[in-house]
Amino acid sequence: MKLPISFDQFKKNPITAISFVLIIVVGYLYVDNKMVHSQQLEDHKDRIEKLELDEKDLEVRLDKMNEKLLECLSINH
């Protein structure tokens, strides 16, 4: 594998070589961060959908309990 910069070029201008390597590292970290962020968004989206379904189920159960409570209160009066 041929490197984009030779050792002789590195010796002549080490700041440029280090800058080149840093640009590659920052680019990699940027792409990696985007991929992780996208995965987190998908995970959170799935979790939100599940929580919304749970909320609807709990609302239905609460409505049933409220109906029974109203029935009980109306029978006692």
N, C-alpha and C. Protein backbone atom coordinates (compact mmCIF):
# COMPACT_ATOMS: atom_id res chain seq x y z
N MET A 1 0.84 -1.17 0.00
CA MET A 1 0.00 0.00 0.00
C MET A 1 0.89 1.23 0.00
N LYS A 2 0.65 2.10 -0.94
CA LYS A 2 1.44 3.32 -1.04
C LYS A 2 0.75 4.44 -0.27
N LEU A 3 1.51 5.03 0.63
CA LEU A 3 0.98 6.12 1.42
C LEU A 3 0.94 7.40 0.59
N PRO A 4 0.03 8.31 0.91
CA PRO A 4 -0.06 9.56 0.15
C PRO A 4 1.12 10.50 0.40
N ILE A 5 1.89 10.22 1.44
CA ILE A 5 3.07 11.05 1.73
C ILE A 5 4.22 10.13 2.10
N SER A 6 5.39 10.40 1.55
CA SER A 6 6.54 9.55 1.85
C SER A 6 7.23 10.04 3.12
N PHE A 7 8.10 9.19 3.63
CA PHE A 7 8.82 9.54 4.83
C PHE A 7 9.74 10.73 4.59
N ASP A 8 10.34 10.79 3.40
CA ASP A 8 11.21 11.93 3.08
C ASP A 8 10.42 13.23 3.07
N GLN A 9 9.22 13.20 2.51
CA GLN A 9 8.38 14.40 2.52
C GLN A 9 7.98 14.77 3.95
N PHE A 10 7.75 13.75 4.76
CA PHE A 10 7.40 13.99 6.16
C PHE A 10 8.56 14.67 6.89
N LYS A 11 9.78 14.20 6.62
CA LYS A 11 10.95 14.82 7.27
C LYS A 11 11.13 16.26 6.83
N LYS A 12 10.85 16.55 5.56
CA LYS A 12 11.04 17.91 5.06
C LYS A 12 9.98 18.87 5.62
N ASN A 13 8.75 18.41 5.75
CA ASN A 13 7.67 19.28 6.20
C ASN A 13 6.72 18.51 7.13
N PRO A 14 7.11 18.30 8.38
CA PRO A 14 6.30 17.48 9.29
C PRO A 14 4.95 18.11 9.64
N ILE A 15 4.86 19.43 9.66
CA ILE A 15 3.60 20.08 10.02
C ILE A 15 2.54 19.78 8.97
N THR A 16 2.93 19.82 7.70
CA THR A 16 1.99 19.50 6.63
C THR A 16 1.54 18.05 6.72
N ALA A 17 2.46 17.15 7.01
CA ALA A 17 2.12 15.73 7.11
C ALA A 17 1.17 15.48 8.28
N ILE A 18 1.46 16.08 9.40
CA ILE A 18 0.60 15.91 10.57
C ILE A 18 -0.77 16.52 10.30
N SER A 19 -0.81 17.66 9.64
CA SER A 19 -2.09 18.28 9.28
C SER A 19 -2.91 17.37 8.38
N PHE A 20 -2.25 16.72 7.43
CA PHE A 20 -2.94 15.80 6.53
C PHE A 20 -3.55 14.64 7.31
N VAL A 21 -2.77 14.09 8.24
CA VAL A 21 -3.27 12.98 9.05
C VAL A 21 -4.44 13.45 9.92
N LEU A 22 -4.33 14.62 10.48
CA LEU A 22 -5.41 15.14 11.32
C LEU A 22 -6.70 15.36 10.52
N ILE A 23 -6.58 15.82 9.29
CA ILE A 23 -7.76 15.99 8.44
C ILE A 23 -8.44 14.65 8.21
N ILE A 24 -7.65 13.62 7.96
CA ILE A 24 -8.21 12.28 7.76
C ILE A 24 -8.90 11.80 9.04
N VAL A 25 -8.28 12.01 10.18
CA VAL A 25 -8.86 11.57 11.46
C VAL A 25 -10.16 12.31 11.74
N VAL A 26 -10.16 13.62 11.55
CA VAL A 26 -11.38 14.40 11.80
C VAL A 26 -12.49 13.97 10.84
N GLY A 27 -12.15 13.70 9.59
CA GLY A 27 -13.15 13.21 8.63
C GLY A 27 -13.75 11.89 9.07
N TYR A 28 -12.89 10.98 9.53
CA TYR A 28 -13.38 9.68 10.01
C TYR A 28 -14.30 9.87 11.21
N LEU A 29 -13.88 10.69 12.16
CA LEU A 29 -14.71 10.91 13.36
C LEU A 29 -16.04 11.54 13.00
N TYR A 30 -16.05 12.43 12.04
CA TYR A 30 -17.30 13.07 11.61
C TYR A 30 -18.26 12.03 11.03
N VAL A 31 -17.75 11.19 10.15
CA VAL A 31 -18.59 10.16 9.53
C VAL A 31 -19.07 9.17 10.58
N ASP A 32 -18.19 8.77 11.48
CA ASP A 32 -18.57 7.83 12.54
C ASP A 32 -19.64 8.43 13.43
N ASN A 33 -19.50 9.69 13.77
CA ASN A 33 -20.49 10.37 14.61
C ASN A 33 -21.84 10.43 13.90
N LYS A 34 -21.84 10.71 12.60
CA LYS A 34 -23.11 10.75 11.85
C LYS A 34 -23.79 9.39 11.87
N MET A 35 -23.01 8.32 11.70
CA MET A 35 -23.59 6.98 11.68
C MET A 35 -24.18 6.63 13.05
N VAL A 36 -23.46 6.96 14.11
CA VAL A 36 -23.95 6.67 15.46
C VAL A 36 -25.20 7.50 15.74
N HIS A 37 -25.18 8.75 15.33
CA HIS A 37 -26.33 9.63 15.55
C HIS A 37 -27.56 9.10 14.81
N SER A 38 -27.37 8.65 13.59
CA SER A 38 -28.49 8.10 12.82
C SER A 38 -29.08 6.87 13.51
N GLN A 39 -28.20 6.02 14.03
CA GLN A 39 -28.68 4.81 14.72
C GLN A 39 -29.44 5.20 15.99
N GLN A 40 -28.94 6.19 16.71
CA GLN A 40 -29.64 6.63 17.92
C GLN A 40 -31.01 7.19 17.58
N LEU A 41 -31.11 7.93 16.49
CA LEU A 41 -32.41 8.47 16.08
C LEU A 41 -33.39 7.34 15.78
N GLU A 42 -32.94 6.31 15.09
CA GLU A 42 -33.81 5.17 14.80
C GLU A 42 -34.25 4.47 16.08
N ASP A 43 -33.29 4.28 17.00
CA ASP A 43 -33.63 3.63 18.27
C ASP A 43 -34.66 4.45 19.05
N HIS A 44 -34.46 5.75 19.09
CA HIS A 44 -35.39 6.60 19.83
C HIS A 44 -36.75 6.65 19.15
N LYS A 45 -36.75 6.62 17.82
CA LYS A 45 -38.02 6.61 17.10
C LYS A 45 -38.82 5.36 17.45
N ASP A 46 -38.15 4.21 17.46
CA ASP A 46 -38.82 2.96 17.83
C ASP A 46 -39.34 3.03 19.27
N ARG A 47 -38.53 3.59 20.14
CA ARG A 47 -38.93 3.67 21.55
C ARG A 47 -40.13 4.60 21.71
N ILE A 48 -40.14 5.71 21.01
CA ILE A 48 -41.26 6.65 21.09
C ILE A 48 -42.53 5.99 20.58
N GLU A 49 -42.45 5.25 19.48
CA GLU A 49 -43.63 4.57 18.95
C GLU A 49 -44.18 3.57 19.97
N LYS A 50 -43.28 2.83 20.63
CA LYS A 50 -43.71 1.87 21.63
C LYS A 50 -44.38 2.59 22.80
N LEU A 51 -43.78 3.68 23.24
CA LEU A 51 -44.35 4.43 24.37
C LEU A 51 -45.71 5.03 24.00
N GLU A 52 -45.88 5.46 22.77
CA GLU A 52 -47.17 6.00 22.34
C GLU A 52 -48.23 4.91 22.37
N LEU A 53 -47.87 3.70 21.95
CA LEU A 53 -48.83 2.58 22.01
C LEU A 53 -49.18 2.26 23.46
N ASP A 54 -48.17 2.26 24.33
CA ASP A 54 -48.42 2.01 25.75
C ASP A 54 -49.33 3.08 26.33
N GLU A 55 -49.10 4.32 25.95
CA GLU A 55 -49.93 5.41 26.45
C GLU A 55 -51.39 5.22 26.02
N LYS A 56 -51.61 4.86 24.76
CA LYS A 56 -52.98 4.64 24.29
C LYS A 56 -53.64 3.51 25.06
N ASP A 57 -52.90 2.44 25.30
CA ASP A 57 -53.44 1.31 26.05
C ASP A 57 -53.81 1.75 27.47
N LEU A 58 -52.94 2.52 28.09
CA LEU A 58 -53.23 2.99 29.45
C LEU A 58 -54.41 3.95 29.47
N GLU A 59 -54.56 4.76 28.44
CA GLU A 59 -55.72 5.65 28.36
C GLU A 59 -57.02 4.87 28.27
N VAL A 60 -57.01 3.80 27.49
CA VAL A 60 -58.21 2.96 27.36
C VAL A 60 -58.53 2.31 28.70
N ARG A 61 -57.51 1.82 29.38
CA ARG A 61 -57.74 1.19 30.67
C ARG A 61 -58.25 2.21 31.70
N LEU A 62 -57.71 3.41 31.66
CA LEU A 62 -58.17 4.45 32.57
C LEU A 62 -59.61 4.83 32.29
N ASP A 63 -59.97 4.91 31.02
CA ASP A 63 -61.36 5.21 30.66
C ASP A 63 -62.31 4.13 31.19
N LYS A 64 -61.92 2.87 31.08
CA LYS A 64 -62.75 1.78 31.60
C LYS A 64 -62.89 1.89 33.12
N MET A 65 -61.80 2.21 33.79
CA MET A 65 -61.86 2.35 35.25
C MET A 65 -62.75 3.53 35.64
N ASN A 66 -62.65 4.60 34.90
CA ASN A 66 -63.50 5.76 35.19
C ASN A 66 -64.97 5.44 34.97
N GLU A 67 -65.27 4.69 33.92
CA GLU A 67 -66.66 4.29 33.67
C GLU A 67 -67.18 3.44 34.83
N LYS A 68 -66.38 2.50 35.28
CA LYS A 68 -66.81 1.65 36.40
C LYS A 68 -66.99 2.47 37.67
N LEU A 69 -66.11 3.42 37.88
CA LEU A 69 -66.24 4.28 39.05
C LEU A 69 -67.52 5.11 38.98
N LEU A 70 -67.82 5.64 37.81
CA LEU A 70 -69.06 6.41 37.64
C LEU A 70 -70.28 5.52 37.85
N GLU A 71 -70.21 4.30 37.38
CA GLU A 71 -71.32 3.36 37.60
C GLU A 71 -71.50 3.12 39.10
N CYS A 72 -70.43 2.91 39.79
CA CYS A 72 -70.51 2.66 41.22
C CYS A 72 -71.08 3.88 41.95
N LEU A 73 -70.66 5.04 41.56
CA LEU A 73 -71.16 6.25 42.21
C LEU A 73 -72.63 6.50 41.91
N SER A 74 -73.03 6.16 40.70
CA SER A 74 -74.44 6.37 40.35
C SER A 74 -75.35 5.34 41.04
N ILE A 75 -74.86 4.15 41.30
CA ILE A 75 -75.64 3.13 41.99
C ILE A 75 -75.85 3.51 43.45
N ASN A 76 -74.83 4.07 44.06
CA ASN A 76 -74.88 4.44 45.49
C ASN A 76 -75.75 5.66 45.73
N HIS A 77 -76.06 6.45 44.76
CA HIS A 77 -76.86 7.66 44.98
C HIS A 77 -78.26 7.45 44.59
